[in-house]
PDB file of N, CA and C in Angstrom:
ATOM      1  N   UNK A   1      44.233 -30.831  30.486  1.00  0.00           N
ATOM      2  CA  UNK A   1      43.875 -30.884  28.958  1.00  0.00           C
ATOM      3  C   UNK A   1      42.386 -31.174  28.612  1.00  0.00           C
ATOM      4  N   UNK A   2      41.884 -29.687  28.004  1.00  0.00           N
ATOM      5  CA  UNK A   2      40.079 -29.069  28.068  1.00  0.00           C
ATOM      6  C   UNK A   2      40.440 -29.421  26.627  1.00  0.00           C
ATOM      7  N   UNK A   3      38.530 -30.138  26.818  1.00  0.00           N
ATOM      8  CA  UNK A   3      38.349 -29.555  25.472  1.00  0.00           C
ATOM      9  C   UNK A   3      37.399 -28.993  25.277  1.00  0.00           C
ATOM     10  N   UNK A   4      37.241 -27.945  23.249  1.00  0.00           N
ATOM     11  CA  UNK A   4      35.726 -26.980  23.630  1.00  0.00           C
ATOM     12  C   UNK A   4      35.349 -28.015  22.221  1.00  0.00           C
ATOM     13  N   UNK A   5      34.134 -27.495  23.356  1.00  0.00           N
ATOM     14  CA  UNK A   5      32.911 -27.634  21.769  1.00  0.00           C
ATOM     15  C   UNK A   5      31.841 -26.374  21.589  1.00  0.00           C
ATOM     16  N   UNK A   6      32.397 -26.437  20.245  1.00  0.00           N
ATOM     17  CA  UNK A   6      31.661 -24.945  19.996  1.00  0.00           C
ATOM     18  C   UNK A   6      30.167 -24.963  19.019  1.00  0.00           C
ATOM     19  N   UNK A   7      29.007 -24.111  19.650  1.00  0.00           N
ATOM     20  CA  UNK A   7      27.944 -24.424  18.606  1.00  0.00           C
ATOM     21  C   UNK A   7      27.364 -22.988  18.587  1.00  0.00           C
ATOM     22  N   UNK A   8      27.136 -23.129  17.046  1.00  0.00           N
ATOM     23  CA  UNK A   8      26.621 -21.227  16.066  1.00  0.00           C
ATOM     24  C   UNK A   8      25.400 -22.416  16.338  1.00  0.00           C
ATOM     25  N   UNK A   9      23.582 -21.157  16.487  1.00  0.00           N
ATOM     26  CA  UNK A   9      22.513 -21.795  15.809  1.00  0.00           C
ATOM     27  C   UNK A   9      22.820 -20.769  14.038  1.00  0.00           C
ATOM     28  N   UNK A  10      21.998 -21.519  13.643  1.00  0.00           N
ATOM     29  CA  UNK A  10      21.788 -21.701  11.650  1.00  0.00           C
ATOM     30  C   UNK A  10      21.271 -20.504  11.719  1.00  0.00           C
ATOM     31  N   UNK A  11      21.495 -20.259  10.826  1.00  0.00           N
ATOM     32  CA  UNK A  11      21.258 -18.804  10.379  1.00  0.00           C
ATOM     33  C   UNK A  11      19.826 -18.217  10.429  1.00  0.00           C
ATOM     34  N   UNK A  12      19.142 -19.750  10.166  1.00  0.00           N
ATOM     35  CA  UNK A  12      17.583 -19.558   9.697  1.00  0.00           C
ATOM     36  C   UNK A  12      16.754 -19.926  10.690  1.00  0.00           C
ATOM     37  N   UNK A  13      16.091 -19.244  11.757  1.00  0.00           N
ATOM     38  CA  UNK A  13      15.371 -19.704  12.500  1.00  0.00           C
ATOM     39  C   UNK A  13      14.137 -19.807  11.872  1.00  0.00           C
ATOM     40  N   UNK A  14      13.731 -20.885  12.383  1.00  0.00           N
ATOM     41  CA  UNK A  14      12.501 -21.484  12.762  1.00  0.00           C
ATOM     42  C   UNK A  14      10.748 -20.390  13.847  1.00  0.00           C
ATOM     43  N   UNK A  15      10.905 -20.103  12.213  1.00  0.00           N
ATOM     44  CA  UNK A  15       9.527 -19.413  12.700  1.00  0.00           C
ATOM     45  C   UNK A  15       8.275 -20.336  13.435  1.00  0.00           C
ATOM     46  N   UNK A  16       7.946 -19.771  13.963  1.00  0.00           N
ATOM     47  CA  UNK A  16       6.417 -20.239  14.389  1.00  0.00           C
ATOM     48  C   UNK A  16       5.119 -19.461  13.087  1.00  0.00           C
ATOM     49  N   UNK A  17       4.373 -21.037  12.782  1.00  0.00           N
ATOM     50  CA  UNK A  17       2.982 -20.437  12.801  1.00  0.00           C
ATOM     51  C   UNK A  17       1.647 -20.235  13.454  1.00  0.00           C
ATOM     52  N   UNK A  18       1.646 -19.181  14.095  1.00  0.00           N
ATOM     53  CA  UNK A  18       1.355 -19.037  15.690  1.00  0.00           C
ATOM     54  C   UNK A  18       0.771 -18.140  14.573  1.00  0.00           C
ATOM     55  N   UNK A  19       0.596 -17.000  13.332  1.00  0.00           N
ATOM     56  CA  UNK A  19       0.180 -15.912  12.510  1.00  0.00           C
ATOM     57  C   UNK A  19      -1.328 -16.069  12.770  1.00  0.00           C
ATOM     58  N   UNK A  20      -1.706 -17.085  12.082  1.00  0.00           N
ATOM     59  CA  UNK A  20      -3.188 -17.903  11.703  1.00  0.00           C
ATOM     60  C   UNK A  20      -4.245 -18.059  13.132  1.00  0.00           C
ATOM     61  N   UNK A  21      -3.462 -18.563  13.701  1.00  0.00           N
ATOM     62  CA  UNK A  21      -4.091 -18.939  14.901  1.00  0.00           C
ATOM     63  C   UNK A  21      -4.364 -17.471  15.345  1.00  0.00           C
ATOM     64  N   UNK A  22      -3.798 -16.209  15.905  1.00  0.00           N
ATOM     65  CA  UNK A  22      -3.916 -15.087  16.569  1.00  0.00           C
ATOM     66  C   UNK A  22      -4.453 -15.054  15.717  1.00  0.00           C
ATOM     67  N   UNK A  23      -4.149 -14.906  13.947  1.00  0.00           N
ATOM     68  CA  UNK A  23      -5.128 -13.919  14.043  1.00  0.00           C
ATOM     69  C   UNK A  23      -6.748 -14.246  13.486  1.00  0.00           C
ATOM     70  N   UNK A  24      -6.991 -16.191  14.029  1.00  0.00           N
ATOM     71  CA  UNK A  24      -8.288 -16.168  13.557  1.00  0.00           C
ATOM     72  C   UNK A  24      -8.881 -15.801  14.835  1.00  0.00           C
ATOM     73  N   UNK A  25      -7.701 -16.133  16.258  1.00  0.00           N
ATOM     74  CA  UNK A  25      -8.658 -15.458  17.688  1.00  0.00           C
ATOM     75  C   UNK A  25      -9.008 -13.909  17.594  1.00  0.00           C
ATOM     76  N   UNK A  26      -8.394 -13.405  16.625  1.00  0.00           N
ATOM     77  CA  UNK A  26      -8.398 -11.656  16.902  1.00  0.00           C
ATOM     78  C   UNK A  26     -10.111 -11.626  15.881  1.00  0.00           C
ATOM     79  N   UNK A  27      -9.966 -12.008  15.307  1.00  0.00           N
ATOM     80  CA  UNK A  27     -11.150 -12.358  13.866  1.00  0.00           C
ATOM     81  C   UNK A  27     -12.067 -13.070  14.299  1.00  0.00           C
ATOM     82  N   UNK A  28     -11.603 -14.039  16.039  1.00  0.00           N
ATOM     83  CA  UNK A  28     -13.618 -13.930  16.736  1.00  0.00           C
ATOM     84  C   UNK A  28     -14.305 -12.774  17.372  1.00  0.00           C
ATOM     85  N   UNK A  29     -12.743 -12.405  18.143  1.00  0.00           N
ATOM     86  CA  UNK A  29     -12.998 -10.856  18.617  1.00  0.00           C
ATOM     87  C   UNK A  29     -13.812  -9.992  18.906  1.00  0.00           C
ATOM     88  N   UNK A  30     -13.267  -9.867  17.597  1.00  0.00           N
ATOM     89  CA  UNK A  30     -13.720  -8.670  16.763  1.00  0.00           C
ATOM     90  C   UNK A  30     -15.462  -8.871  15.732  1.00  0.00           C
ATOM     91  N   UNK A  31     -15.701 -10.159  16.173  1.00  0.00           N
ATOM     92  CA  UNK A  31     -17.121 -10.686  15.469  1.00  0.00           C
ATOM     93  C   UNK A  31     -18.152 -10.293  16.774  1.00  0.00           C
ATOM     94  N   UNK A  32     -16.907 -11.099  17.523  1.00  0.00           N
ATOM     95  CA  UNK A  32     -18.292 -11.143  19.049  1.00  0.00           C
ATOM     96  C   UNK A  32     -18.393  -9.269  19.216  1.00  0.00           C
ATOM     97  N   UNK A  33     -17.159  -8.144  19.687  1.00  0.00           N
ATOM     98  CA  UNK A  33     -17.857  -6.952  19.920  1.00  0.00           C
ATOM     99  C   UNK A  33     -18.990  -6.968  18.564  1.00  0.00           C
ATOM    100  N   UNK A  34     -18.654  -7.342  17.375  1.00  0.00           N
ATOM    101  CA  UNK A  34     -19.653  -6.263  16.337  1.00  0.00           C
ATOM    102  C   UNK A  34     -21.503  -6.372  16.270  1.00  0.00           C
ATOM    103  N   UNK A  35     -21.144  -8.183  16.888  1.00  0.00           N
ATOM    104  CA  UNK A  35     -22.826  -9.292  17.611  1.00  0.00           C
ATOM    105  C   UNK A  35     -22.299  -7.500  18.153  1.00  0.00           C
ATOM    106  N   UNK A  36     -22.232  -7.936  19.201  1.00  0.00           N
ATOM    107  CA  UNK A  36     -23.044  -6.509  20.818  1.00  0.00           C
ATOM    108  C   UNK A  36     -23.141  -5.378  20.524  1.00  0.00           C
ATOM    109  N   UNK A  37     -22.322  -4.307  19.813  1.00  0.00           N
ATOM    110  CA  UNK A  37     -22.634  -3.090  19.193  1.00  0.00           C
ATOM    111  C   UNK A  37     -23.378  -2.971  18.365  1.00  0.00           C
ATOM    112  N   UNK A  38     -23.753  -4.033  17.465  1.00  0.00           N
ATOM    113  CA  UNK A  38     -25.198  -4.186  16.662  1.00  0.00           C
ATOM    114  C   UNK A  38     -26.782  -4.307  17.765  1.00  0.00           C
ATOM    115  N   UNK A  39     -26.651  -5.220  18.253  1.00  0.00           N
ATOM    116  CA  UNK A  39     -27.789  -5.186  19.654  1.00  0.00           C
ATOM    117  C   UNK A  39     -27.961  -4.206  20.373  1.00  0.00           C
ATOM    118  N   UNK A  40     -26.396  -3.883  20.174  1.00  0.00           N
ATOM    119  CA  UNK A  40     -26.347  -2.697  21.499  1.00  0.00           C
ATOM    120  C   UNK A  40     -27.484  -1.032  20.220  1.00  0.00           C
ATOM    121  N   UNK A  41     -27.138  -1.725  18.691  1.00  0.00           N
ATOM    122  CA  UNK A  41     -28.004  -0.300  18.114  1.00  0.00           C
ATOM    123  C   UNK A  41     -27.237   0.648  18.596  1.00  0.00           C
ATOM    124  N   UNK A  42     -25.589   0.493  18.264  1.00  0.00           N
ATOM    125  CA  UNK A  42     -24.222   1.291  18.243  1.00  0.00           C
ATOM    126  C   UNK A  42     -23.834   0.908  16.323  1.00  0.00           C
ATOM    127  N   UNK A  43     -24.439   2.046  15.664  1.00  0.00           N
ATOM    128  CA  UNK A  43     -23.677   1.617  13.922  1.00  0.00           C
ATOM    129  C   UNK A  43     -22.251   2.116  13.838  1.00  0.00           C
ATOM    130  N   UNK A  44     -22.445   3.261  14.453  1.00  0.00           N
ATOM    131  CA  UNK A  44     -21.178   4.071  14.144  1.00  0.00           C
ATOM    132  C   UNK A  44     -19.930   3.100  14.969  1.00  0.00           C
ATOM    133  N   UNK A  45     -20.050   2.069  15.859  1.00  0.00           N
ATOM    134  CA  UNK A  45     -18.778   0.760  16.334  1.00  0.00           C
ATOM    135  C   UNK A  45     -19.265   0.224  14.979  1.00  0.00           C
ATOM    136  N   UNK A  46     -20.558  -0.153  14.649  1.00  0.00           N
ATOM    137  CA  UNK A  46     -21.396  -1.876  14.147  1.00  0.00           C
ATOM    138  C   UNK A  46     -19.691  -1.084  12.792  1.00  0.00           C
ATOM    139  N   UNK A  47     -19.818  -0.326  12.284  1.00  0.00           N
ATOM    140  CA  UNK A  47     -18.969   0.004  10.995  1.00  0.00           C
ATOM    141  C   UNK A  47     -17.177  -0.009  11.453  1.00  0.00           C
ATOM    142  N   UNK A  48     -16.981   0.426  11.990  1.00  0.00           N
ATOM    143  CA  UNK A  48     -15.911   0.440  12.370  1.00  0.00           C
ATOM    144  C   UNK A  48     -15.518  -1.489  13.445  1.00  0.00           C
ATOM    145  N   UNK A  49     -16.119  -1.703  13.836  1.00  0.00           N
ATOM    146  CA  UNK A  49     -15.298  -3.411  13.466  1.00  0.00           C
ATOM    147  C   UNK A  49     -16.136  -3.819  11.752  1.00  0.00           C
ATOM    148  N   UNK A  50     -17.073  -3.609  11.531  1.00  0.00           N
ATOM    149  CA  UNK A  50     -16.672  -4.511  10.300  1.00  0.00           C
ATOM    150  C   UNK A  50     -15.478  -3.763   9.363  1.00  0.00           C
ATOM    151  N   UNK A  51     -14.879  -2.592   8.977  1.00  0.00           N
ATOM    152  CA  UNK A  51     -13.747  -2.239   8.615  1.00  0.00           C
ATOM    153  C   UNK A  51     -12.894  -3.518   8.916  1.00  0.00           C
ATOM    154  N   UNK A  52     -12.562  -3.170  10.536  1.00  0.00           N
ATOM    155  CA  UNK A  52     -11.306  -3.586  11.144  1.00  0.00           C
ATOM    156  C   UNK A  52     -11.715  -5.601  10.632  1.00  0.00           C
ATOM    157  N   UNK A  53     -12.668  -6.456  10.361  1.00  0.00           N
ATOM    158  CA  UNK A  53     -13.361  -7.329  10.398  1.00  0.00           C
ATOM    159  C   UNK A  53     -12.614  -7.647   8.627  1.00  0.00           C
ATOM    160  N   UNK A  54     -12.151  -6.892   7.814  1.00  0.00           N
ATOM    161  CA  UNK A  54     -12.468  -7.244   6.258  1.00  0.00           C
ATOM    162  C   UNK A  54     -11.050  -7.026   6.523  1.00  0.00           C
ATOM    163  N   UNK A  55     -10.317  -5.874   6.873  1.00  0.00           N
ATOM    164  CA  UNK A  55      -8.851  -5.688   6.357  1.00  0.00           C
ATOM    165  C   UNK A  55      -8.059  -7.159   7.331  1.00  0.00           C
ATOM    166  N   UNK A  56      -9.035  -8.131   7.656  1.00  0.00           N
ATOM    167  CA  UNK A  56      -8.269  -8.777   8.672  1.00  0.00           C
ATOM    168  C   UNK A  56      -8.676 -10.682   7.202  1.00  0.00           C
ATOM    169  N   UNK A  57      -8.750 -10.560   6.614  1.00  0.00           N
ATOM    170  CA  UNK A  57      -9.540 -10.941   5.877  1.00  0.00           C
ATOM    171  C   UNK A  57     -11.391 -11.488   5.712  1.00  0.00           C
ATOM    172  N   UNK A  58     -11.611 -11.046   6.976  1.00  0.00           N
ATOM    173  CA  UNK A  58     -12.743 -11.608   6.655  1.00  0.00           C
ATOM    174  C   UNK A  58     -12.966 -12.761   6.713  1.00  0.00           C
ATOM    175  N   UNK A  59     -14.338 -13.971   7.189  1.00  0.00           N
ATOM    176  CA  UNK A  59     -14.433 -14.517   7.809  1.00  0.00           C
ATOM    177  C   UNK A  59     -14.401 -15.602   6.608  1.00  0.00           C
ATOM    178  N   UNK A  60     -13.440 -16.809   6.509  1.00  0.00           N
ATOM    179  CA  UNK A  60     -12.962 -17.793   4.909  1.00  0.00           C
ATOM    180  C   UNK A  60     -13.882 -19.346   5.305  1.00  0.00           C
ATOM    181  N   UNK A  61     -13.743 -18.838   7.086  1.00  0.00           N
ATOM    182  CA  UNK A  61     -14.493 -20.135   7.485  1.00  0.00           C
ATOM    183  C   UNK A  61     -15.616 -20.218   7.388  1.00  0.00           C
ATOM    184  N   UNK A  62     -16.225 -21.850   6.832  1.00  0.00           N
ATOM    185  CA  UNK A  62     -17.965 -21.695   7.146  1.00  0.00           C
ATOM    186  C   UNK A  62     -18.384 -22.068   8.448  1.00  0.00           C
ATOM    187  N   UNK A  63     -19.500 -21.273   8.729  1.00  0.00           N
ATOM    188  CA  UNK A  63     -19.803 -21.269   9.920  1.00  0.00           C
ATOM    189  C   UNK A  63     -19.822 -22.114  10.911  1.00  0.00           C
ATOM    190  N   UNK A  64     -19.851 -22.956  11.908  1.00  0.00           N
ATOM    191  CA  UNK A  64     -20.318 -23.804  13.060  1.00  0.00           C
ATOM    192  C   UNK A  64     -18.384 -24.943  12.614  1.00  0.00           C
ATOM    193  N   UNK A  65     -18.069 -24.056  11.259  1.00  0.00           N
ATOM    194  CA  UNK A  65     -16.489 -25.334  11.576  1.00  0.00           C
ATOM    195  C   UNK A  65     -14.705 -24.415  12.230  1.00  0.00           C
TER     196      UNK A  65
END
């Protein structure tokens, strides 16, 4: 005689909260690219990067934090 144990995963999956971290990392990359573009005098690329930064919500943290 064998015993069977069944297990069902819960309907609600645990959602990892990496979106803020990933968004922050993406924001840092865009800000760095913007600094490089501005240093090189590439106004067109600077404007594109500024728009992307605004779409991500901009930098809401104080510098250095």
